[in-house]
Amino acid sequence: MDYRLEHDSMGEIEVPSDRYWGAQTQRSFQNFKIGIEKIPMEVIRAFAILKKSAAVANNRLGKLDEQRLKSISQVCDEILSGKLDDHFPLSVWQTGSGTQSNMNVNEVIANRGNEIAGEKLLHPNDHVNMSQSSNDTFPTAMHIAAVMEVQEKLLPSIDQLIRTFLRLEKENEGIIKSGRTHLQDATPIQFSQEISGWRSMLEKNREMVVSSLTGLKELALGGTAVGTGLNAPKGFDTAAAAAVSELTGIDFRTADNKFHSLTSKDATVFAHGALKALAANMMKIANDVRWLSSGPRCGLGEIQIPENEPGSSIMPGKVNPTQCESVTMVAVQVMGNDCAIGFAASQGNFELNVFMPVIIYNFLQSVRLLSDSLRSFELHCARGIKANRRKMNENLNRSLMLVTALAPYIGYDHAAQTAKKAYKEDISLKEACISLGFLTGEEFDRVFHPEQMVSSQ
């Protein structure tokens, strides 16, 4: 491999000649060969947005000339297009401030810009990093990446599953089945009502997620090293936030208190809490679906789900609820990520939190996994759910908890005796009630209507 010499404040170092990064990136690349987790490209693209925005703000404030603005903007556009993905190699497990990732972006923009210009036009610190510090750029990139990924990927996935559940509700109106609480038989419910619970969970989760973005739309940019804004011109923070908003179409704004935005990661913790709530509800929905579809002969068997692949290497014909299992594994991972993010956010010491790379890595992984799993679950499972009316009706008529409809007429204690007798002797509720002398056959038929037990009024 061919190398060139790059230098920084610590001296010279060899850098692969086919890479645009410089000395600081190379030192981090060599010093942190830990794991396989790299700084997510969503963060790198967010950096490109903020570097272009910072250049625009510096230009508007008279600090950066037009030629350098154009050069920085051009390279940032290349980063956003994915053209330069191979030039961002750094590990998540690096300095906790993300300094080397900030410099990685600065160096790539400077070297690629100089290559395009055919001259030493850009310096990574003096021009690309003008009016900035790693301490305010990395948290800014975190927020930009988080908001964009949630809005562009997660919300559409939630919306599609909501639409599918709405369709299933309409298709299954009037189908009555046994309700269940504590994994035991309960009073009847319409299948459409059960589905409406799933749908409402997602609608509530969507509201929570959207609400949580408010804090993430505040940007630390302009706080520089410790929140004072040292070396940034007056008005840079608001001008840079305005430029970010123009580039993304999202209403980002500068943080009111930069001392808070540099050291506290509470907005990320809060937003990930909404993701955890979504994960918890998806765990419940997926478990409901696989319980209801269990069987095909020895389980509940009340719904049928698409058969996507063989389920066993030894049992011929076996098919498993694989999409449900995938969703539940994703939910577990998101819950684990929430713990890591919470612990990391608690470690802000004095003017800076130095756990930022692991926080944003886990946050973006949660967004990515939830987005993908909801989309996969909707496509390969939910949209193909079909009610097994025969099995639902069979289970409904066998349920002893239909006796609840008799309680207003014969009292709670007599209704309990009826249910216990029916269960012990394996007879119907009607037979038990009549034999106990609580109602005549005609009286029983007049008051016992399971289909009327599903109304909320």
Protein backbone atom coordinates (compact mmCIF):
# COMPACT_ATOMS: atom_id res chain seq x y z
CA MET A 1 0.00 0.00 0.00
CA ASP A 2 1.22 3.50 -0.84
CA TYR A 3 1.36 6.11 1.91
CA ARG A 4 1.73 9.84 2.18
CA LEU A 5 2.90 11.86 5.17
CA GLU A 6 0.35 13.92 7.08
CA HIS A 7 1.09 15.98 10.16
CA ASP A 8 -0.73 17.40 13.17
CA SER A 9 0.37 18.99 16.45
CA MET A 10 2.01 15.70 17.48
CA GLY A 11 4.13 15.35 14.35
CA GLU A 12 4.08 13.31 11.15
CA ILE A 13 2.29 10.03 10.48
CA GLU A 14 1.78 7.83 7.42
CA VAL A 15 -1.72 7.81 5.91
CA PRO A 16 -2.87 5.55 3.05
CA SER A 17 -2.50 7.58 -0.11
CA ASP A 18 -5.96 6.61 -1.40
CA ARG A 19 -7.74 8.01 1.66
CA TYR A 20 -8.75 11.62 2.25
CA TRP A 21 -8.44 11.50 6.03
CA GLY A 22 -5.48 13.04 7.80
CA ALA A 23 -3.21 12.61 10.79
CA GLN A 24 -5.74 12.75 13.61
CA THR A 25 -8.01 10.22 11.94
CA GLN A 26 -5.07 7.91 11.34
CA ARG A 27 -3.96 8.08 14.97
CA SER A 28 -7.46 7.19 16.18
CA PHE A 29 -7.74 4.41 13.59
CA GLN A 30 -4.50 2.87 14.86
CA ASN A 31 -5.13 3.43 18.57
CA PHE A 32 -8.67 2.10 18.84
CA LYS A 33 -8.87 -1.25 17.10
CA ILE A 34 -11.74 -2.29 19.34
CA GLY A 35 -14.76 -4.27 18.16
CA ILE A 36 -16.39 -3.94 14.77
CA GLU A 37 -18.79 -1.10 15.61
CA LYS A 38 -18.07 2.00 13.55
CA ILE A 39 -19.43 5.51 13.90
CA PRO A 40 -22.76 5.24 12.04
CA MET A 41 -22.93 6.81 8.60
CA GLU A 42 -26.07 8.63 9.76
CA VAL A 43 -23.79 10.59 12.11
CA ILE A 44 -21.29 11.27 9.33
CA ARG A 45 -24.05 12.61 7.08
CA ALA A 46 -25.32 14.74 9.96
CA PHE A 47 -21.79 16.10 10.27
CA ALA A 48 -21.83 16.99 6.58
CA ILE A 49 -25.05 18.92 7.12
CA LEU A 50 -23.66 20.82 10.10
CA LYS A 51 -20.28 21.53 8.42
CA LYS A 52 -22.05 22.96 5.38
CA SER A 53 -24.36 24.94 7.66
CA ALA A 54 -21.44 26.23 9.71
CA ALA A 55 -19.71 27.36 6.52
CA VAL A 56 -22.87 29.14 5.40
CA ALA A 57 -23.16 30.86 8.80
CA ASN A 58 -19.49 31.87 8.79
CA ASN A 59 -19.88 33.25 5.30
CA ARG A 60 -22.98 35.25 6.23
CA LEU A 61 -21.11 36.66 9.24
CA GLY A 62 -18.13 37.69 7.09
CA LYS A 63 -15.64 35.13 8.38
CA LEU A 64 -15.41 32.72 5.42
CA ASP A 65 -14.98 33.71 1.78
CA GLU A 66 -17.18 32.52 -1.06
CA GLN A 67 -14.57 30.23 -2.61
CA ARG A 68 -14.05 28.26 0.60
CA LEU A 69 -17.80 28.14 1.25
CA LYS A 70 -18.32 26.65 -2.19
CA SER A 71 -15.53 24.11 -1.72
CA ILE A 72 -16.75 22.95 1.71
CA SER A 73 -20.33 22.74 0.43
CA GLN A 74 -19.31 20.67 -2.58
CA VAL A 75 -17.52 18.06 -0.48
CA CYS A 76 -20.35 17.97 2.04
CA ASP A 77 -22.72 17.19 -0.82
CA GLU A 78 -20.45 14.33 -1.86
CA ILE A 79 -20.57 12.96 1.69
CA LEU A 80 -24.34 13.22 1.72
CA SER A 81 -24.53 11.33 -1.57
CA GLY A 82 -22.53 8.43 -0.10
CA LYS A 83 -19.64 8.94 -2.49
CA LEU A 84 -17.06 9.18 0.31
CA ASP A 85 -18.33 6.51 2.73
CA ASP A 86 -15.03 4.60 2.69
CA HIS A 87 -13.20 7.55 4.20
CA PHE A 88 -14.83 7.36 7.64
CA PRO A 89 -13.33 4.31 9.38
CA LEU A 90 -13.37 5.19 13.08
CA SER A 91 -14.57 2.99 15.91
CA VAL A 92 -17.40 3.84 18.27
CA TRP A 93 -14.99 2.94 21.06
CA GLN A 94 -12.85 6.07 20.75
CA THR A 95 -12.64 9.27 22.72
CA GLY A 96 -15.97 9.87 24.45
CA SER A 97 -16.33 13.36 23.00
CA GLY A 98 -16.16 12.11 19.43
CA THR A 99 -13.24 14.50 18.76
CA GLN A 100 -11.56 12.22 16.26
CA SER A 101 -14.77 11.73 14.30
CA ASN A 102 -15.20 15.50 14.09
CA MET A 103 -11.61 15.74 12.84
CA ASN A 104 -12.17 12.83 10.47
CA VAL A 105 -14.90 14.86 8.77
CA ASN A 106 -12.80 18.04 8.87
CA GLU A 107 -9.81 16.29 7.29
CA VAL A 108 -11.81 14.57 4.57
CA ILE A 109 -13.54 17.82 3.62
CA ALA A 110 -10.24 19.72 3.58
CA ASN A 111 -8.24 17.17 1.61
CA ARG A 112 -11.00 16.40 -0.88
CA GLY A 113 -11.72 20.13 -1.27
CA ASN A 114 -8.07 20.86 -1.90
CA GLU A 115 -7.93 18.06 -4.47
CA ILE A 116 -10.90 19.57 -6.32
CA ALA A 117 -9.43 23.09 -6.11
CA GLY A 118 -5.95 21.97 -7.13
CA GLU A 119 -4.45 24.02 -4.29
CA LYS A 120 -4.18 24.17 -0.49
CA LEU A 121 -7.39 26.09 -0.11
CA LEU A 122 -8.83 24.50 3.05
CA HIS A 123 -7.33 23.77 6.46
CA PRO A 124 -9.29 21.23 8.56
CA ASN A 125 -9.19 23.34 11.72
CA ASP A 126 -8.97 26.90 10.46
CA HIS A 127 -11.67 26.68 7.82
CA VAL A 128 -13.77 23.51 8.06
CA ASN A 129 -13.89 23.66 11.87
CA MET A 130 -14.21 27.46 12.00
CA SER A 131 -16.31 28.71 14.96
CA GLN A 132 -16.70 25.12 16.19
CA SER A 133 -15.37 22.57 18.66
CA SER A 134 -15.79 18.81 18.75
CA ASN A 135 -17.64 19.43 22.00
CA ASP A 136 -20.50 21.23 20.27
CA THR A 137 -20.37 19.58 16.85
CA PHE A 138 -20.69 15.97 18.01
CA PRO A 139 -23.82 16.56 20.11
CA THR A 140 -25.22 18.60 17.22
CA ALA A 141 -24.58 15.75 14.80
CA MET A 142 -26.22 13.38 17.29
CA HIS A 143 -29.40 15.41 17.37
CA ILE A 144 -29.56 15.96 13.62
CA ALA A 145 -29.05 12.25 12.91
CA ALA A 146 -31.56 11.17 15.56
CA VAL A 147 -34.35 13.44 14.36
CA MET A 148 -33.83 12.68 10.68
CA GLU A 149 -33.77 8.90 11.18
CA VAL A 150 -36.89 8.95 13.33
CA GLN A 151 -38.80 11.13 10.88
CA GLU A 152 -37.61 9.47 7.69
CA LYS A 153 -37.61 5.81 8.75
CA LEU A 154 -39.39 5.06 12.01
CA LEU A 155 -42.55 7.13 11.66
CA PRO A 156 -43.38 5.74 8.18
CA SER A 157 -42.97 2.18 9.51
CA ILE A 158 -45.30 2.90 12.42
CA ASP A 159 -47.84 4.50 10.08
CA GLN A 160 -47.89 1.50 7.74
CA LEU A 161 -48.56 -0.95 10.57
CA ILE A 162 -51.32 1.32 11.90
CA ARG A 163 -52.96 1.31 8.47
CA THR A 164 -52.81 -2.48 8.34
CA PHE A 165 -54.41 -2.83 11.77
CA LEU A 166 -57.16 -0.38 10.76
CA ARG A 167 -57.93 -2.57 7.74
CA LEU A 168 -57.95 -5.72 9.88
CA GLU A 169 -60.32 -4.05 12.36
CA LYS A 170 -62.86 -3.39 9.61
CA GLU A 171 -62.49 -6.87 8.15
CA ASN A 172 -63.07 -8.56 11.52
CA GLU A 173 -65.98 -6.54 12.91
CA GLY A 174 -68.64 -8.71 14.51
CA ILE A 175 -66.40 -11.72 15.10
CA ILE A 176 -66.72 -12.60 18.79
CA LYS A 177 -64.07 -14.57 20.64
CA SER A 178 -63.03 -15.33 24.17
CA GLY A 179 -61.11 -12.60 25.94
CA ARG A 180 -58.19 -13.57 28.14
CA THR A 181 -56.60 -12.06 31.24
CA HIS A 182 -53.76 -13.63 33.25
CA LEU A 183 -53.55 -16.17 30.38
CA GLN A 184 -56.92 -17.44 31.62
CA ASP A 185 -60.34 -17.34 29.99
CA ALA A 186 -62.18 -14.04 30.43
CA THR A 187 -65.37 -12.48 29.11
CA PRO A 188 -65.94 -12.19 25.35
CA ILE A 189 -64.43 -9.58 23.08
CA GLN A 190 -64.75 -8.77 19.41
CA PHE A 191 -61.63 -9.65 17.47
CA SER A 192 -61.80 -6.16 15.97
CA GLN A 193 -61.69 -4.73 19.50
CA GLU A 194 -58.58 -6.76 20.26
CA ILE A 195 -56.92 -5.45 17.10
CA SER A 196 -57.97 -1.91 17.99
CA GLY A 197 -55.91 -2.24 21.15
CA TRP A 198 -52.83 -3.02 19.08
CA ARG A 199 -53.55 -0.13 16.75
CA SER A 200 -54.07 2.32 19.60
CA MET A 201 -50.76 1.28 21.17
CA LEU A 202 -48.96 2.28 18.01
CA GLU A 203 -50.86 5.55 17.73
CA LYS A 204 -49.96 6.45 21.31
CA ASN A 205 -46.34 5.45 20.74
CA ARG A 206 -46.21 7.62 17.64
CA GLU A 207 -47.41 10.59 19.67
CA MET A 208 -44.75 9.88 22.29
CA VAL A 209 -41.98 9.63 19.70
CA VAL A 210 -43.00 12.85 17.94
CA SER A 211 -43.29 14.68 21.25
CA SER A 212 -39.81 13.51 22.27
CA LEU A 213 -38.23 15.12 19.20
CA THR A 214 -38.72 18.61 20.64
CA GLY A 215 -35.60 18.40 22.80
CA LEU A 216 -33.58 16.79 20.02
CA LYS A 217 -34.29 19.74 17.74
CA GLU A 218 -32.19 21.97 20.00
CA LEU A 219 -28.60 22.22 18.72
CA ALA A 220 -25.43 22.73 20.76
CA LEU A 221 -23.59 24.29 17.82
CA GLY A 222 -22.17 27.64 18.89
CA GLY A 223 -21.21 26.54 22.39
CA THR A 224 -17.70 25.56 21.18
CA ALA A 225 -15.42 24.09 23.87
CA VAL A 226 -17.28 24.52 27.18
CA GLY A 227 -20.50 26.35 26.30
CA THR A 228 -19.19 29.91 26.31
CA GLY A 229 -19.02 30.20 22.52
CA LEU A 230 -15.31 31.07 22.55
CA ASN A 231 -13.94 31.79 19.02
CA ALA A 232 -17.43 31.85 17.49
CA PRO A 233 -18.74 35.20 16.26
CA LYS A 234 -21.88 36.69 17.75
CA GLY A 235 -24.95 35.26 16.06
CA PHE A 236 -23.15 32.17 14.75
CA ASP A 237 -25.33 29.77 16.76
CA THR A 238 -28.65 31.08 15.43
CA ALA A 239 -27.29 31.46 11.88
CA ALA A 240 -25.93 27.89 11.88
CA ALA A 241 -29.19 26.45 13.27
CA ALA A 242 -31.13 28.34 10.61
CA ALA A 243 -28.87 26.90 7.91
CA VAL A 244 -29.36 23.37 9.25
CA SER A 245 -33.12 23.93 9.13
CA GLU A 246 -32.89 25.16 5.54
CA LEU A 247 -30.88 22.09 4.48
CA THR A 248 -33.05 19.52 6.24
CA GLY A 249 -36.50 21.07 6.14
CA ILE A 250 -36.77 20.42 9.88
CA ASP A 251 -37.25 23.21 12.43
CA PHE A 252 -33.98 22.91 14.33
CA ARG A 253 -33.05 25.78 16.63
CA THR A 254 -30.09 26.79 18.72
CA ALA A 255 -30.12 25.63 22.34
CA ASP A 256 -30.90 28.38 24.82
CA ASN A 257 -28.26 27.15 27.27
CA LYS A 258 -25.13 25.70 25.69
CA PHE A 259 -23.73 24.67 29.08
CA HIS A 260 -26.67 22.31 29.33
CA SER A 261 -26.51 21.07 25.75
CA LEU A 262 -22.82 20.14 25.94
CA THR A 263 -22.90 18.19 29.18
CA SER A 264 -26.45 16.78 29.41
CA LYS A 265 -27.84 14.08 27.17
CA ASP A 266 -31.29 14.17 28.75
CA ALA A 267 -33.06 14.87 25.44
CA THR A 268 -31.62 11.66 23.99
CA VAL A 269 -32.57 9.69 27.09
CA PHE A 270 -36.12 11.05 26.91
CA ALA A 271 -36.46 10.30 23.20
CA HIS A 272 -35.10 6.80 23.61
CA GLY A 273 -37.64 6.27 26.37
CA ALA A 274 -40.32 6.67 23.71
CA LEU A 275 -38.50 4.08 21.59
CA LYS A 276 -38.44 1.73 24.57
CA ALA A 277 -42.19 2.23 25.02
CA LEU A 278 -42.68 1.29 21.37
CA ALA A 279 -40.46 -1.77 21.84
CA ALA A 280 -42.50 -2.82 24.89
CA ASN A 281 -45.76 -2.57 22.95
CA MET A 282 -44.33 -4.42 19.97
CA MET A 283 -43.23 -7.19 22.35
CA LYS A 284 -46.84 -7.44 23.55
CA ILE A 285 -48.34 -7.35 20.05
CA ALA A 286 -45.93 -9.96 18.70
CA ASN A 287 -46.55 -12.22 21.69
CA ASP A 288 -50.33 -11.88 21.27
CA VAL A 289 -50.06 -12.85 17.62
CA ARG A 290 -47.92 -15.89 18.24
CA TRP A 291 -50.11 -17.06 21.15
CA LEU A 292 -53.28 -16.63 19.09
CA SER A 293 -51.73 -18.46 16.13
CA SER A 294 -50.23 -21.26 18.26
CA GLY A 295 -50.94 -24.79 17.13
CA PRO A 296 -51.92 -25.59 14.50
CA ARG A 297 -53.83 -28.31 16.39
CA CYS A 298 -52.65 -28.24 19.99
CA GLY A 299 -52.60 -24.49 20.61
CA LEU A 300 -55.14 -21.68 20.61
CA GLY A 301 -55.27 -21.59 16.83
CA GLU A 302 -57.64 -18.62 16.71
CA ILE A 303 -55.78 -16.83 13.94
CA GLN A 304 -53.72 -17.88 10.97
CA ILE A 305 -50.56 -16.03 9.96
CA PRO A 306 -48.52 -16.28 6.75
CA GLU A 307 -46.22 -19.28 6.47
CA ASN A 308 -42.90 -17.82 5.35
CA GLU A 309 -40.35 -20.63 5.69
CA PRO A 310 -39.93 -24.15 7.09
CA GLY A 311 -39.63 -24.12 10.86
CA SER A 312 -37.58 -27.18 11.62
CA SER A 313 -34.63 -29.11 10.28
CA ILE A 314 -36.00 -32.35 11.77
CA MET A 315 -39.79 -31.98 12.02
CA PRO A 316 -41.29 -32.02 8.50
CA GLY A 317 -44.07 -29.55 7.85
CA LYS A 318 -43.46 -27.47 10.96
CA VAL A 319 -43.90 -23.70 10.52
CA ASN A 320 -42.98 -21.16 13.19
CA PRO A 321 -44.04 -17.55 13.94
CA THR A 322 -40.63 -16.26 12.90
CA GLN A 323 -41.62 -12.64 12.33
CA CYS A 324 -42.98 -12.47 15.88
CA GLU A 325 -39.77 -13.92 17.23
CA SER A 326 -37.72 -11.37 15.32
CA VAL A 327 -39.81 -8.49 16.70
CA THR A 328 -39.39 -9.71 20.27
CA MET A 329 -35.61 -10.01 19.89
CA VAL A 330 -35.49 -6.46 18.56
CA ALA A 331 -37.55 -5.33 21.55
CA VAL A 332 -35.05 -6.92 23.94
CA GLN A 333 -32.14 -5.20 22.17
CA VAL A 334 -33.87 -1.81 22.33
CA MET A 335 -34.52 -2.25 26.04
CA GLY A 336 -30.85 -3.10 26.53
CA ASN A 337 -29.85 -0.04 24.52
CA ASP A 338 -32.04 2.07 26.78
CA CYS A 339 -30.07 0.93 29.82
CA ALA A 340 -26.75 1.73 28.11
CA ILE A 341 -27.95 5.18 27.04
CA GLY A 342 -29.25 5.98 30.50
CA PHE A 343 -26.01 4.93 32.20
CA ALA A 344 -23.92 6.84 29.66
CA ALA A 345 -25.99 10.00 29.98
CA SER A 346 -25.54 9.98 33.74
CA GLN A 347 -21.78 10.40 33.30
CA GLY A 348 -21.63 14.04 32.26
CA ASN A 349 -18.77 15.47 34.29
CA PHE A 350 -18.45 19.25 34.64
CA GLU A 351 -18.79 20.84 31.16
CA LEU A 352 -18.93 17.75 28.94
CA ASN A 353 -20.37 14.27 28.60
CA VAL A 354 -17.73 11.88 27.26
CA PHE A 355 -19.96 8.91 26.42
CA MET A 356 -21.46 10.42 23.29
CA PRO A 357 -20.39 7.90 20.63
CA VAL A 358 -21.94 4.95 22.47
CA ILE A 359 -25.11 6.95 23.17
CA ILE A 360 -25.77 7.81 19.54
CA TYR A 361 -24.66 4.37 18.30
CA ASN A 362 -27.26 2.68 20.50
CA PHE A 363 -29.94 5.27 19.77
CA LEU A 364 -29.57 4.91 16.00
CA GLN A 365 -29.43 1.12 16.27
CA SER A 366 -32.75 1.19 18.12
CA VAL A 367 -34.32 3.42 15.46
CA ARG A 368 -32.96 1.24 12.68
CA LEU A 369 -34.05 -2.04 14.28
CA LEU A 370 -37.52 -0.80 15.15
CA SER A 371 -38.02 0.72 11.70
CA ASP A 372 -36.93 -2.45 9.93
CA SER A 373 -38.73 -4.88 12.24
CA LEU A 374 -42.05 -3.02 12.09
CA ARG A 375 -41.82 -2.93 8.31
CA SER A 376 -40.92 -6.63 8.13
CA PHE A 377 -43.62 -7.64 10.62
CA GLU A 378 -46.25 -5.68 8.69
CA LEU A 379 -45.20 -7.07 5.32
CA HIS A 380 -44.61 -10.71 6.23
CA CYS A 381 -47.07 -11.23 9.08
CA ALA A 382 -49.62 -8.60 10.08
CA ARG A 383 -51.13 -7.94 6.66
CA GLY A 384 -51.81 -11.68 6.28
CA ILE A 385 -53.55 -12.27 9.64
CA LYS A 386 -56.82 -14.16 9.20
CA ALA A 387 -59.37 -15.09 11.84
CA ASN A 388 -60.16 -18.77 12.37
CA ARG A 389 -63.84 -18.23 13.04
CA ARG A 390 -64.57 -21.88 13.77
CA LYS A 391 -61.90 -22.08 16.44
CA MET A 392 -62.85 -18.72 17.93
CA ASN A 393 -66.47 -19.79 18.21
CA GLU A 394 -65.53 -23.16 19.66
CA ASN A 395 -63.32 -21.59 22.33
CA LEU A 396 -65.94 -18.93 23.07
CA ASN A 397 -68.68 -21.47 23.70
CA ARG A 398 -66.41 -23.53 25.95
CA SER A 399 -65.44 -20.54 28.09
CA LEU A 400 -66.81 -20.70 31.62
CA MET A 401 -66.41 -16.96 32.00
CA LEU A 402 -69.57 -16.47 29.96
CA VAL A 403 -71.18 -17.07 33.32
CA THR A 404 -70.43 -13.40 34.07
CA ALA A 405 -73.54 -12.55 32.03
CA LEU A 406 -75.63 -14.42 34.61
CA ALA A 407 -74.29 -12.56 37.65
CA PRO A 408 -76.81 -9.67 37.43
CA TYR A 409 -79.65 -12.23 37.52
CA ILE A 410 -78.50 -14.94 39.92
CA GLY A 411 -75.77 -13.10 41.86
CA TYR A 412 -72.00 -13.47 41.97
CA ASP A 413 -71.93 -16.43 44.36
CA HIS A 414 -74.48 -18.47 42.44
CA ALA A 415 -72.71 -17.64 39.17
CA ALA A 416 -69.43 -18.89 40.68
CA GLN A 417 -71.13 -22.13 41.78
CA THR A 418 -72.49 -22.56 38.27
CA ALA A 419 -69.07 -22.15 36.67
CA LYS A 420 -67.37 -24.52 39.11
CA LYS A 421 -70.03 -27.20 38.67
CA ALA A 422 -69.82 -26.93 34.88
CA TYR A 423 -66.05 -27.26 35.01
CA LYS A 424 -65.98 -30.14 37.51
CA GLU A 425 -68.62 -32.19 35.72
CA ASP A 426 -67.64 -31.12 32.19
CA ILE A 427 -71.14 -29.93 31.38
CA SER A 428 -72.49 -26.70 29.89
CA LEU A 429 -73.20 -23.58 31.90
CA LYS A 430 -76.87 -23.97 31.06
CA GLU A 431 -76.99 -27.52 32.37
CA ALA A 432 -75.18 -26.52 35.55
CA CYS A 433 -77.38 -23.50 36.18
CA ILE A 434 -80.59 -25.47 35.68
CA SER A 435 -79.46 -28.40 37.82
CA LEU A 436 -78.57 -26.01 40.64
CA GLY A 437 -82.05 -24.52 40.39
CA PHE A 438 -80.89 -20.98 39.76
CA LEU A 439 -82.78 -20.54 36.46
CA THR A 440 -85.14 -22.49 34.25
CA GLY A 441 -84.15 -23.32 30.72
CA GLU A 442 -86.40 -20.60 29.35
CA GLU A 443 -85.03 -18.03 31.80
CA PHE A 444 -81.46 -18.97 30.94
CA ASP A 445 -82.03 -18.57 27.21
CA ARG A 446 -83.69 -15.19 27.77
CA VAL A 447 -80.75 -13.65 29.70
CA PHE A 448 -77.74 -15.49 28.30
CA HIS A 449 -76.46 -13.70 25.18
CA PRO A 450 -72.64 -13.77 24.79
CA GLU A 451 -72.84 -11.53 21.73
CA GLN A 452 -74.18 -8.73 23.94
CA MET A 453 -71.23 -8.96 26.32
CA VAL A 454 -68.79 -7.23 23.96
CA SER A 455 -70.31 -3.75 24.08
CA SER A 456 -68.61 -1.14 26.26
CA GLN A 457 -72.05 0.39 27.03
